[in-house]
Amino acid sequence: MRREVGLALFQAQRGEKPASAKPMEGFKGAKVLKIVEDHDGNTYRVVYTVKFQEVVYVLHCFQKKSKSGIATPKRDVELIRARFRSVQQIESEQKKWQK
C-alpha cells in the first residue's frame, strides 16, 4: 500500500495524474485530489493538492474507518480544509517575498 501511494505521489510530482487519483469532493477548482488504496481489507486515503507550481502538498493521510458509506468523515474534511487554507497562506506569503 505504501509503495502504491508513494508511486502515485511521485507521478504527481512529475506533473502526471496517477490512475488512482480522483478529485476530492467539495474542493471545486482547488485541484485537491485523493488517492484511495485498499490493503488487507482496509481502505486508506491520501489527500494532496497540486494547485501550486513546483510543489505537491500532502494535506492528510488516514485509514477510512467509517461504516456509513464511502463519504469522507466530516472531521477529516474539516482538517483537510484547514490544512489547505494554511498552504494557501504559505504560498501567498512566499509570493510576496519573491517579488
PDB file of N, CA and C in Angstrom:
ATOM      1  N   MET A   1       0.824  -1.177   0.000  1.00  0.00           N
ATOM      2  CA  MET A   1       0.000   0.000   0.000  1.00  0.00           C
ATOM      3  C   MET A   1       0.877   1.253   0.000  1.00  0.00           C
ATOM      4  N   ARG A   2       1.895   1.283   0.853  1.00  0.00           N
ATOM      5  CA  ARG A   2       2.786   2.451   0.911  1.00  0.00           C
ATOM      6  C   ARG A   2       3.511   2.657  -0.409  1.00  0.00           C
ATOM      7  N   ARG A   3       3.889   1.567  -1.029  1.00  0.00           N
ATOM      8  CA  ARG A   3       4.593   1.655  -2.312  1.00  0.00           C
ATOM      9  C   ARG A   3       3.674   2.252  -3.390  1.00  0.00           C
ATOM     10  N   GLU A   4       2.430   1.815  -3.418  1.00  0.00           N
ATOM     11  CA  GLU A   4       1.461   2.319  -4.405  1.00  0.00           C
ATOM     12  C   GLU A   4       1.197   3.810  -4.203  1.00  0.00           C
ATOM     13  N   VAL A   5       1.018   4.220  -2.963  1.00  0.00           N
ATOM     14  CA  VAL A   5       0.793   5.638  -2.658  1.00  0.00           C
ATOM     15  C   VAL A   5       2.032   6.452  -2.992  1.00  0.00           C
ATOM     16  N   GLY A   6       3.189   5.926  -2.645  1.00  0.00           N
ATOM     17  CA  GLY A   6       4.444   6.618  -2.958  1.00  0.00           C
ATOM     18  C   GLY A   6       4.627   6.813  -4.451  1.00  0.00           C
ATOM     19  N   LEU A   7       4.310   5.799  -5.230  1.00  0.00           N
ATOM     20  CA  LEU A   7       4.412   5.908  -6.683  1.00  0.00           C
ATOM     21  C   LEU A   7       3.438   6.949  -7.219  1.00  0.00           C
ATOM     22  N   ALA A   8       2.219   6.943  -6.699  1.00  0.00           N
ATOM     23  CA  ALA A   8       1.220   7.920  -7.137  1.00  0.00           C
ATOM     24  C   ALA A   8       1.669   9.348  -6.816  1.00  0.00           C
ATOM     25  N   LEU A   9       2.231   9.574  -5.643  1.00  0.00           N
ATOM     26  CA  LEU A   9       2.719  10.908  -5.284  1.00  0.00           C
ATOM     27  C   LEU A   9       3.923  11.304  -6.143  1.00  0.00           C
ATOM     28  N   PHE A  10       4.769  10.345  -6.455  1.00  0.00           N
ATOM     29  CA  PHE A  10       5.901  10.617  -7.345  1.00  0.00           C
ATOM     30  C   PHE A  10       5.400  11.045  -8.718  1.00  0.00           C
ATOM     31  N   GLN A  11       4.371  10.366  -9.221  1.00  0.00           N
ATOM     32  CA  GLN A  11       3.788  10.739 -10.509  1.00  0.00           C
ATOM     33  C   GLN A  11       3.220  12.155 -10.454  1.00  0.00           C
ATOM     34  N   ALA A  12       2.568  12.495  -9.343  1.00  0.00           N
ATOM     35  CA  ALA A  12       2.020  13.849  -9.182  1.00  0.00           C
ATOM     36  C   ALA A  12       3.142  14.881  -9.192  1.00  0.00           C
ATOM     37  N   GLN A  13       4.255  14.572  -8.536  1.00  0.00           N
ATOM     38  CA  GLN A  13       5.404  15.481  -8.528  1.00  0.00           C
ATOM     39  C   GLN A  13       5.951  15.708  -9.935  1.00  0.00           C
ATOM     40  N   ARG A  14       5.831  14.720 -10.771  1.00  0.00           N
ATOM     41  CA  ARG A  14       6.315  14.821 -12.154  1.00  0.00           C
ATOM     42  C   ARG A  14       5.299  15.494 -13.070  1.00  0.00           C
ATOM     43  N   GLY A  15       4.163  15.929 -12.519  1.00  0.00           N
ATOM     44  CA  GLY A  15       3.147  16.606 -13.316  1.00  0.00           C
ATOM     45  C   GLY A  15       2.156  15.667 -13.968  1.00  0.00           C
ATOM     46  N   GLU A  16       2.200  14.412 -13.590  1.00  0.00           N
ATOM     47  CA  GLU A  16       1.279  13.415 -14.135  1.00  0.00           C
ATOM     48  C   GLU A  16       0.103  13.239 -13.188  1.00  0.00           C
ATOM     49  N   LYS A  17      -0.995  12.696 -13.723  1.00  0.00           N
ATOM     50  CA  LYS A  17      -2.132  12.381 -12.863  1.00  0.00           C
ATOM     51  C   LYS A  17      -2.154  10.870 -12.651  1.00  0.00           C
ATOM     52  N   PRO A  18      -1.903  10.426 -11.423  1.00  0.00           N
ATOM     53  CA  PRO A  18      -1.906   8.991 -11.153  1.00  0.00           C
ATOM     54  C   PRO A  18      -3.278   8.380 -11.444  1.00  0.00           C
ATOM     55  N   ALA A  19      -3.285   7.140 -11.908  1.00  0.00           N
ATOM     56  CA  ALA A  19      -4.545   6.454 -12.206  1.00  0.00           C
ATOM     57  C   ALA A  19      -5.421   6.312 -10.964  1.00  0.00           C
ATOM     58  N   SER A  20      -4.804   6.221  -9.800  1.00  0.00           N
ATOM     59  CA  SER A  20      -5.565   6.036  -8.557  1.00  0.00           C
ATOM     60  C   SER A  20      -6.046   7.350  -7.945  1.00  0.00           C
ATOM     61  N   ALA A  21      -5.740   8.480  -8.572  1.00  0.00           N
ATOM     62  CA  ALA A  21      -6.131   9.789  -8.022  1.00  0.00           C
ATOM     63  C   ALA A  21      -7.486  10.216  -8.574  1.00  0.00           C
ATOM     64  N   LYS A  22      -8.305  10.745  -7.676  1.00  0.00           N
ATOM     65  CA  LYS A  22      -9.622  11.254  -8.036  1.00  0.00           C
ATOM     66  C   LYS A  22      -9.807  12.614  -7.378  1.00  0.00           C
ATOM     67  N   PRO A  23     -10.604  13.497  -7.986  1.00  0.00           N
ATOM     68  CA  PRO A  23     -10.856  14.788  -7.343  1.00  0.00           C
ATOM     69  C   PRO A  23     -11.563  14.595  -5.998  1.00  0.00           C
ATOM     70  N   MET A  24     -11.181  15.400  -5.033  1.00  0.00           N
ATOM     71  CA  MET A  24     -11.811  15.365  -3.715  1.00  0.00           C
ATOM     72  C   MET A  24     -13.091  16.194  -3.785  1.00  0.00           C
ATOM     73  N   GLU A  25     -14.180  15.622  -3.368  1.00  0.00           N
ATOM     74  CA  GLU A  25     -15.456  16.317  -3.395  1.00  0.00           C
ATOM     75  C   GLU A  25     -15.433  17.539  -2.481  1.00  0.00           C
ATOM     76  N   GLY A  26     -16.049  18.646  -2.950  1.00  0.00           N
ATOM     77  CA  GLY A  26     -16.159  19.832  -2.120  1.00  0.00           C
ATOM     78  C   GLY A  26     -15.016  20.827  -2.256  1.00  0.00           C
ATOM     79  N   PHE A  27     -14.098  20.585  -3.174  1.00  0.00           N
ATOM     80  CA  PHE A  27     -12.971  21.488  -3.377  1.00  0.00           C
ATOM     81  C   PHE A  27     -12.929  21.933  -4.839  1.00  0.00           C
ATOM     82  N   LYS A  28     -13.991  22.520  -5.289  1.00  0.00           N
ATOM     83  CA  LYS A  28     -14.122  22.912  -6.696  1.00  0.00           C
ATOM     84  C   LYS A  28     -12.971  23.803  -7.144  1.00  0.00           C
ATOM     85  N   GLY A  29     -12.319  23.405  -8.216  1.00  0.00           N
ATOM     86  CA  GLY A  29     -11.267  24.221  -8.800  1.00  0.00           C
ATOM     87  C   GLY A  29      -9.995  24.324  -7.987  1.00  0.00           C
ATOM     88  N   ALA A  30      -9.930  23.659  -6.850  1.00  0.00           N
ATOM     89  CA  ALA A  30      -8.768  23.780  -5.980  1.00  0.00           C
ATOM     90  C   ALA A  30      -7.690  22.744  -6.301  1.00  0.00           C
ATOM     91  N   LYS A  31      -7.991  21.828  -7.192  1.00  0.00           N
ATOM     92  CA  LYS A  31      -7.049  20.762  -7.545  1.00  0.00           C
ATOM     93  C   LYS A  31      -6.621  19.961  -6.322  1.00  0.00           C
ATOM     94  N   VAL A  32      -7.588  19.619  -5.499  1.00  0.00           N
ATOM     95  CA  VAL A  32      -7.355  18.744  -4.354  1.00  0.00           C
ATOM     96  C   VAL A  32      -7.774  17.347  -4.789  1.00  0.00           C
ATOM     97  N   LEU A  33      -6.842  16.414  -4.671  1.00  0.00           N
ATOM     98  CA  LEU A  33      -7.080  15.057  -5.141  1.00  0.00           C
ATOM     99  C   LEU A  33      -6.906  14.066  -4.007  1.00  0.00           C
ATOM    100  N   LYS A  34      -7.515  12.906  -4.182  1.00  0.00           N
ATOM    101  CA  LYS A  34      -7.349  11.847  -3.188  1.00  0.00           C
ATOM    102  C   LYS A  34      -6.896  10.579  -3.892  1.00  0.00           C
ATOM    103  N   ILE A  35      -6.033   9.858  -3.221  1.00  0.00           N
ATOM    104  CA  ILE A  35      -5.600   8.542  -3.658  1.00  0.00           C
ATOM    105  C   ILE A  35      -6.268   7.566  -2.709  1.00  0.00           C
ATOM    106  N   VAL A  36      -6.957   6.591  -3.262  1.00  0.00           N
ATOM    107  CA  VAL A  36      -7.636   5.590  -2.452  1.00  0.00           C
ATOM    108  C   VAL A  36      -6.966   4.248  -2.715  1.00  0.00           C
ATOM    109  N   GLU A  37      -6.501   3.625  -1.664  1.00  0.00           N
ATOM    110  CA  GLU A  37      -5.840   2.316  -1.773  1.00  0.00           C
ATOM    111  C   GLU A  37      -6.424   1.363  -0.734  1.00  0.00           C
ATOM    112  N   ASP A  38      -6.612   0.128  -1.142  1.00  0.00           N
ATOM    113  CA  ASP A  38      -7.084  -0.919  -0.242  1.00  0.00           C
ATOM    114  C   ASP A  38      -5.940  -1.861   0.073  1.00  0.00           C
ATOM    115  N   HIS A  39      -5.897  -2.325   1.331  1.00  0.00           N
ATOM    116  CA  HIS A  39      -4.852  -3.259   1.753  1.00  0.00           C
ATOM    117  C   HIS A  39      -5.361  -4.073   2.933  1.00  0.00           C
ATOM    118  N   ASP A  40      -5.310  -5.374   2.813  1.00  0.00           N
ATOM    119  CA  ASP A  40      -5.739  -6.285   3.884  1.00  0.00           C
ATOM    120  C   ASP A  40      -7.129  -5.954   4.420  1.00  0.00           C
ATOM    121  N   GLY A  41      -8.048  -5.633   3.541  1.00  0.00           N
ATOM    122  CA  GLY A  41      -9.422  -5.346   3.957  1.00  0.00           C
ATOM    123  C   GLY A  41      -9.640  -3.945   4.501  1.00  0.00           C
ATOM    124  N   ASN A  42      -8.615  -3.122   4.521  1.00  0.00           N
ATOM    125  CA  ASN A  42      -8.739  -1.744   4.994  1.00  0.00           C
ATOM    126  C   ASN A  42      -8.595  -0.792   3.814  1.00  0.00           C
ATOM    127  N   THR A  43      -9.206   0.371   3.931  1.00  0.00           N
ATOM    128  CA  THR A  43      -9.105   1.404   2.909  1.00  0.00           C
ATOM    129  C   THR A  43      -8.341   2.585   3.480  1.00  0.00           C
ATOM    130  N   TYR A  44      -7.394   3.083   2.696  1.00  0.00           N
ATOM    131  CA  TYR A  44      -6.574   4.217   3.098  1.00  0.00           C
ATOM    132  C   TYR A  44      -6.737   5.329   2.077  1.00  0.00           C
ATOM    133  N   ARG A  45      -6.668   6.564   2.546  1.00  0.00           N
ATOM    134  CA  ARG A  45      -6.764   7.717   1.662  1.00  0.00           C
ATOM    135  C   ARG A  45      -5.611   8.674   1.933  1.00  0.00           C
ATOM    136  N   VAL A  46      -5.095   9.214   0.853  1.00  0.00           N
ATOM    137  CA  VAL A  46      -4.077  10.257   0.926  1.00  0.00           C
ATOM    138  C   VAL A  46      -4.619  11.418   0.117  1.00  0.00           C
ATOM    139  N   VAL A  47      -4.737  12.579   0.748  1.00  0.00           N
ATOM    140  CA  VAL A  47      -5.294  13.764   0.089  1.00  0.00           C
ATOM    141  C   VAL A  47      -4.164  14.761  -0.123  1.00  0.00           C
ATOM    142  N   TYR A  48      -4.068  15.275  -1.352  1.00  0.00           N
ATOM    143  CA  TYR A  48      -2.985  16.192  -1.682  1.00  0.00           C
ATOM    144  C   TYR A  48      -3.480  17.253  -2.647  1.00  0.00           C
ATOM    145  N   THR A  49      -2.684  18.300  -2.826  1.00  0.00           N
ATOM    146  CA  THR A  49      -3.034  19.342  -3.781  1.00  0.00           C
ATOM    147  C   THR A  49      -1.861  19.601  -4.718  1.00  0.00           C
ATOM    148  N   VAL A  50      -2.209  19.878  -5.960  1.00  0.00           N
ATOM    149  CA  VAL A  50      -1.220  20.246  -6.975  1.00  0.00           C
ATOM    150  C   VAL A  50      -1.543  21.634  -7.523  1.00  0.00           C
ATOM    151  N   LYS A  51      -2.258  22.413  -6.733  1.00  0.00           N
ATOM    152  CA  LYS A  51      -2.661  23.748  -7.172  1.00  0.00           C
ATOM    153  C   LYS A  51      -1.468  24.686  -7.346  1.00  0.00           C
ATOM    154  N   PHE A  52      -0.425  24.465  -6.619  1.00  0.00           N
ATOM    155  CA  PHE A  52       0.705  25.381  -6.593  1.00  0.00           C
ATOM    156  C   PHE A  52       1.850  24.833  -7.428  1.00  0.00           C
ATOM    157  N   GLN A  53       2.496  25.704  -8.181  1.00  0.00           N
ATOM    158  CA  GLN A  53       3.592  25.283  -9.052  1.00  0.00           C
ATOM    159  C   GLN A  53       4.755  24.738  -8.230  1.00  0.00           C
ATOM    160  N   GLU A  54       5.370  23.724  -8.760  1.00  0.00           N
ATOM    161  CA  GLU A  54       6.600  23.157  -8.221  1.00  0.00           C
ATOM    162  C   GLU A  54       6.457  22.417  -6.899  1.00  0.00           C
ATOM    163  N   VAL A  55       5.244  22.341  -6.339  1.00  0.00           N
ATOM    164  CA  VAL A  55       5.093  21.717  -5.026  1.00  0.00           C
ATOM    165  C   VAL A  55       3.838  20.843  -5.003  1.00  0.00           C
ATOM    166  N   VAL A  56       3.980  19.654  -4.420  1.00  0.00           N
ATOM    167  CA  VAL A  56       2.829  18.806  -4.124  1.00  0.00           C
ATOM    168  C   VAL A  56       2.716  18.783  -2.600  1.00  0.00           C
ATOM    169  N   TYR A  57       1.624  19.294  -2.091  1.00  0.00           N
ATOM    170  CA  TYR A  57       1.395  19.300  -0.646  1.00  0.00           C
ATOM    171  C   TYR A  57       0.481  18.138  -0.277  1.00  0.00           C
ATOM    172  N   VAL A  58       0.934  17.270   0.608  1.00  0.00           N
ATOM    173  CA  VAL A  58       0.076  16.218   1.149  1.00  0.00           C
ATOM    174  C   VAL A  58      -0.665  16.841   2.323  1.00  0.00           C
ATOM    175  N   LEU A  59      -1.985  16.859   2.220  1.00  0.00           N
ATOM    176  CA  LEU A  59      -2.802  17.532   3.224  1.00  0.00           C
ATOM    177  C   LEU A  59      -3.241  16.604   4.360  1.00  0.00           C
ATOM    178  N   HIS A  60      -3.428  15.325   4.041  1.00  0.00           N
ATOM    179  CA  HIS A  60      -3.912  14.404   5.071  1.00  0.00           C
ATOM    180  C   HIS A  60      -3.778  12.968   4.575  1.00  0.00           C
ATOM    181  N   CYS A  61      -3.454  12.060   5.480  1.00  0.00           N
ATOM    182  CA  CYS A  61      -3.425  10.619   5.214  1.00  0.00           C
ATOM    183  C   CYS A  61      -4.191   9.946   6.340  1.00  0.00           C
ATOM    184  N   PHE A  62      -5.055   9.009   5.990  1.00  0.00           N
ATOM    185  CA  PHE A  62      -5.822   8.354   7.042  1.00  0.00           C
ATOM    186  C   PHE A  62      -6.397   7.034   6.569  1.00  0.00           C
ATOM    187  N   GLN A  63      -6.736   6.210   7.559  1.00  0.00           N
ATOM    188  CA  GLN A  63      -7.417   4.957   7.283  1.00  0.00           C
ATOM    189  C   GLN A  63      -8.908   5.224   7.360  1.00  0.00           C
ATOM    190  N   LYS A  64      -9.624   4.830   6.346  1.00  0.00           N
ATOM    191  CA  LYS A  64     -11.083   5.035   6.317  1.00  0.00           C
ATOM    192  C   LYS A  64     -11.704   3.999   7.232  1.00  0.00           C
ATOM    193  N   LYS A  65     -12.364   4.465   8.275  1.00  0.00           N
ATOM    194  CA  LYS A  65     -12.953   3.550   9.247  1.00  0.00           C
ATOM    195  C   LYS A  65     -14.473   3.625   9.276  1.00  0.00           C
ATOM    196  N   SER A  66     -15.041   4.616   8.632  1.00  0.00           N
ATOM    197  CA  SER A  66     -16.486   4.822   8.680  1.00  0.00           C
ATOM    198  C   SER A  66     -17.231   3.648   8.066  1.00  0.00           C
ATOM    199  N   LYS A  67     -18.267   3.248   8.717  1.00  0.00           N
ATOM    200  CA  LYS A  67     -19.123   2.171   8.203  1.00  0.00           C
ATOM    201  C   LYS A  67     -20.348   2.743   7.504  1.00  0.00           C
ATOM    202  N   SER A  68     -20.396   4.074   7.370  1.00  0.00           N
ATOM    203  CA  SER A  68     -21.592   4.725   6.830  1.00  0.00           C
ATOM    204  C   SER A  68     -21.431   5.097   5.359  1.00  0.00           C
ATOM    205  N   GLY A  69     -20.793   4.248   4.593  1.00  0.00           N
ATOM    206  CA  GLY A  69     -20.665   4.517   3.168  1.00  0.00           C
ATOM    207  C   GLY A  69     -19.277   5.005   2.794  1.00  0.00           C
ATOM    208  N   ILE A  70     -19.198   5.585   1.584  1.00  0.00           N
ATOM    209  CA  ILE A  70     -17.899   5.978   1.053  1.00  0.00           C
ATOM    210  C   ILE A  70     -17.520   7.415   1.378  1.00  0.00           C
ATOM    211  N   ALA A  71     -18.430   8.148   1.974  1.00  0.00           N
ATOM    212  CA  ALA A  71     -18.160   9.559   2.271  1.00  0.00           C
ATOM    213  C   ALA A  71     -17.007   9.700   3.258  1.00  0.00           C
ATOM    214  N   THR A  72     -16.218  10.746   3.050  1.00  0.00           N
ATOM    215  CA  THR A  72     -15.129  11.062   3.969  1.00  0.00           C
ATOM    216  C   THR A  72     -15.729  11.661   5.240  1.00  0.00           C
ATOM    217  N   PRO A  73     -15.331  11.192   6.403  1.00  0.00           N
ATOM    218  CA  PRO A  73     -15.879  11.728   7.650  1.00  0.00           C
ATOM    219  C   PRO A  73     -15.683  13.248   7.750  1.00  0.00           C
ATOM    220  N   LYS A  74     -16.671  13.912   8.322  1.00  0.00           N
ATOM    221  CA  LYS A  74     -16.666  15.377   8.425  1.00  0.00           C
ATOM    222  C   LYS A  74     -15.407  15.898   9.122  1.00  0.00           C
ATOM    223  N   ARG A  75     -14.976  15.220  10.168  1.00  0.00           N
ATOM    224  CA  ARG A  75     -13.776  15.645  10.905  1.00  0.00           C
ATOM    225  C   ARG A  75     -12.554  15.682   9.986  1.00  0.00           C
ATOM    226  N   ASP A  76     -12.435  14.676   9.133  1.00  0.00           N
ATOM    227  CA  ASP A  76     -11.309  14.629   8.208  1.00  0.00           C
ATOM    228  C   ASP A  76     -11.420  15.717   7.148  1.00  0.00           C
ATOM    229  N   VAL A  77     -12.622  15.963   6.642  1.00  0.00           N
ATOM    230  CA  VAL A  77     -12.821  17.015   5.638  1.00  0.00           C
ATOM    231  C   VAL A  77     -12.471  18.381   6.223  1.00  0.00           C
ATOM    232  N   GLU A  78     -12.874  18.630   7.464  1.00  0.00           N
ATOM    233  CA  GLU A  78     -12.553  19.908   8.111  1.00  0.00           C
ATOM    234  C   GLU A  78     -11.040  20.067   8.288  1.00  0.00           C
ATOM    235  N   LEU A  79     -10.363  18.994   8.639  1.00  0.00           N
ATOM    236  CA  LEU A  79      -8.908  19.034   8.790  1.00  0.00           C
ATOM    237  C   LEU A  79      -8.233  19.321   7.442  1.00  0.00           C
ATOM    238  N   ILE A  80      -8.725  18.695   6.387  1.00  0.00           N
ATOM    239  CA  ILE A  80      -8.182  18.922   5.041  1.00  0.00           C
ATOM    240  C   ILE A  80      -8.387  20.380   4.640  1.00  0.00           C
ATOM    241  N   ARG A  81      -9.583  20.915   4.883  1.00  0.00           N
ATOM    242  CA  ARG A  81      -9.857  22.323   4.557  1.00  0.00           C
ATOM    243  C   ARG A  81      -8.925  23.267   5.316  1.00  0.00           C
ATOM    244  N   ALA A  82      -8.723  23.000   6.601  1.00  0.00           N
ATOM    245  CA  ALA A  82      -7.842  23.852   7.410  1.00  0.00           C
ATOM    246  C   ALA A  82      -6.407  23.791   6.894  1.00  0.00           C
ATOM    247  N   ARG A  83      -5.942  22.616   6.566  1.00  0.00           N
ATOM    248  CA  ARG A  83      -4.578  22.484   6.048  1.00  0.00           C
ATOM    249  C   ARG A  83      -4.442  23.127   4.672  1.00  0.00           C
ATOM    250  N   PHE A  84      -5.489  23.032   3.851  1.00  0.00           N
ATOM    251  CA  PHE A  84      -5.450  23.673   2.537  1.00  0.00           C
ATOM    252  C   PHE A  84      -5.375  25.194   2.688  1.00  0.00           C
ATOM    253  N   ARG A  85      -6.133  25.744   3.629  1.00  0.00           N
ATOM    254  CA  ARG A  85      -6.060  27.186   3.886  1.00  0.00           C
ATOM    255  C   ARG A  85      -4.663  27.581   4.350  1.00  0.00           C
ATOM    256  N   SER A  86      -4.050  26.759   5.181  1.00  0.00           N
ATOM    257  CA  SER A  86      -2.684  27.033   5.649  1.00  0.00           C
ATOM    258  C   SER A  86      -1.698  27.037   4.483  1.00  0.00           C
ATOM    259  N   VAL A  87      -1.849  26.093   3.588  1.00  0.00           N
ATOM    260  CA  VAL A  87      -0.976  26.013   2.414  1.00  0.00           C
ATOM    261  C   VAL A  87      -1.172  27.243   1.535  1.00  0.00           C
ATOM    262  N   GLN A  88      -2.414  27.672   1.357  1.00  0.00           N
ATOM    263  CA  GLN A  88      -2.683  28.880   0.567  1.00  0.00           C
ATOM    264  C   GLN A  88      -1.998  30.086   1.193  1.00  0.00           C
ATOM    265  N   GLN A  89      -2.032  30.191   2.513  1.00  0.00           N
ATOM    266  CA  GLN A  89      -1.383  31.284   3.223  1.00  0.00           C
ATOM    267  C   GLN A  89       0.132  31.234   3.029  1.00  0.00           C
ATOM    268  N   ILE A  90       0.703  30.058   3.154  1.00  0.00           N
ATOM    269  CA  ILE A  90       2.152  29.891   2.958  1.00  0.00           C
ATOM    270  C   ILE A  90       2.542  30.316   1.553  1.00  0.00           C
ATOM    271  N   GLU A  91       1.797  29.869   0.565  1.00  0.00           N
ATOM    272  CA  GLU A  91       2.098  30.205  -0.829  1.00  0.00           C
ATOM    273  C   GLU A  91       1.951  31.701  -1.085  1.00  0.00           C
ATOM    274  N   SER A  92       0.945  32.312  -0.486  1.00  0.00           N
ATOM    275  CA  SER A  92       0.720  33.749  -0.637  1.00  0.00           C
ATOM    276  C   SER A  92       1.899  34.542  -0.056  1.00  0.00           C
ATOM    277  N   GLU A  93       2.350  34.147   1.119  1.00  0.00           N
ATOM    278  CA  GLU A  93       3.476  34.829   1.758  1.00  0.00           C
ATOM    279  C   GLU A  93       4.772  34.631   0.968  1.00  0.00           C
ATOM    280  N   GLN A  94       4.966  33.460   0.408  1.00  0.00           N
ATOM    281  CA  GLN A  94       6.166  33.211  -0.388  1.00  0.00           C
ATOM    282  C   GLN A  94       6.174  34.076  -1.647  1.00  0.00           C
ATOM    283  N   LYS A  95       5.021  34.257  -2.254  1.00  0.00           N
ATOM    284  CA  LYS A  95       4.945  35.099  -3.449  1.00  0.00           C
ATOM    285  C   LYS A  95       5.311  36.543  -3.120  1.00  0.00           C
ATOM    286  N   LYS A  96       4.887  37.022  -1.949  1.00  0.00           N
ATOM    287  CA  LYS A  96       5.214  38.373  -1.528  1.00  0.00           C
ATOM    288  C   LYS A  96       6.730  38.551  -1.408  1.00  0.00           C
ATOM    289  N   TRP A  97       7.406  37.558  -0.816  1.00  0.00           N
ATOM    290  CA  TRP A  97       8.845  37.644  -0.596  1.00  0.00           C
ATOM    291  C   TRP A  97       9.639  37.493  -1.884  1.00  0.00           C
ATOM    292  N   GLN A  98       9.062  36.835  -2.864  1.00  0.00           N
ATOM    293  CA  GLN A  98       9.773  36.608  -4.126  1.00  0.00           C
ATOM    294  C   GLN A  98       9.752  37.843  -5.030  1.00  0.00           C
ATOM    295  N   LYS A  99       8.863  38.772  -4.750  1.00  0.00           N
ATOM    296  CA  LYS A  99       8.761  39.972  -5.593  1.00  0.00           C
ATOM    297  C   LYS A  99       9.833  40.972  -5.282  1.00  0.00           C
TER     298      LYS A  99
END
